[in-house]
Every structure is written in C-alpha cells, then in structure tokens.
Amino acid sequence: MQGETSDKAVPSPAVVMKSGFVGAIGALYTRII
C-alpha cells in the first residue's frame, strides 16, 4: 500500500516504462485477436 502510494505520487521511470510496455503488449494482443 505504501509503495503503491509512492509510485502514484512520484512515478519512477521504471514504473512508467513497465506500464507503457504492458499497455502496448495489451493493444497488440487485442489487435491480433
């Protein structure tokens, strides 16, 4: 909970890259189906 709050308050580059990567993969996955 505490770590999640810190990530939301100050998004670290790793978190942003990870979420962006997951979003891109999700878009490609749904597009393939």
Protein backbone atom coordinates (compact mmCIF):
# COMPACT_ATOMS: atom_id res chain seq x y z
CA MET A 1 0.00 0.00 0.00
CA GLN A 2 2.75 2.42 0.95
CA GLY A 3 4.89 1.57 -2.07
CA GLU A 4 1.87 1.86 -4.35
CA THR A 5 1.10 5.34 -2.99
CA SER A 6 4.70 6.49 -3.53
CA ASP A 7 4.65 5.20 -7.11
CA LYS A 8 1.45 7.12 -7.82
CA ALA A 9 2.71 10.28 -6.12
CA VAL A 10 6.11 10.20 -7.85
CA PRO A 11 6.03 7.79 -10.80
CA SER A 12 9.51 6.40 -11.32
CA PRO A 13 10.80 5.86 -14.88
CA ALA A 14 10.75 2.09 -14.32
CA VAL A 15 7.07 2.11 -13.35
CA VAL A 16 6.17 4.34 -16.31
CA MET A 17 8.11 2.15 -18.75
CA LYS A 18 6.60 -1.03 -17.31
CA SER A 19 3.02 0.26 -17.51
CA GLY A 20 3.62 1.61 -21.03
CA PHE A 21 5.13 -1.70 -22.12
CA VAL A 22 2.19 -3.65 -20.69
CA GLY A 23 -0.24 -1.28 -22.40
CA ALA A 24 1.50 -1.72 -25.76
CA ILE A 25 1.51 -5.52 -25.41
CA GLY A 26 -2.17 -5.47 -24.45
CA ALA A 27 -3.04 -3.35 -27.51
CA LEU A 28 -1.13 -5.70 -29.83
CA TYR A 29 -2.67 -8.76 -28.18
CA THR A 30 -6.23 -7.48 -28.61
CA ARG A 31 -5.44 -6.37 -32.16
CA ILE A 32 -4.20 -9.86 -33.07
CA ILE A 33 -7.39 -11.43 -31.68
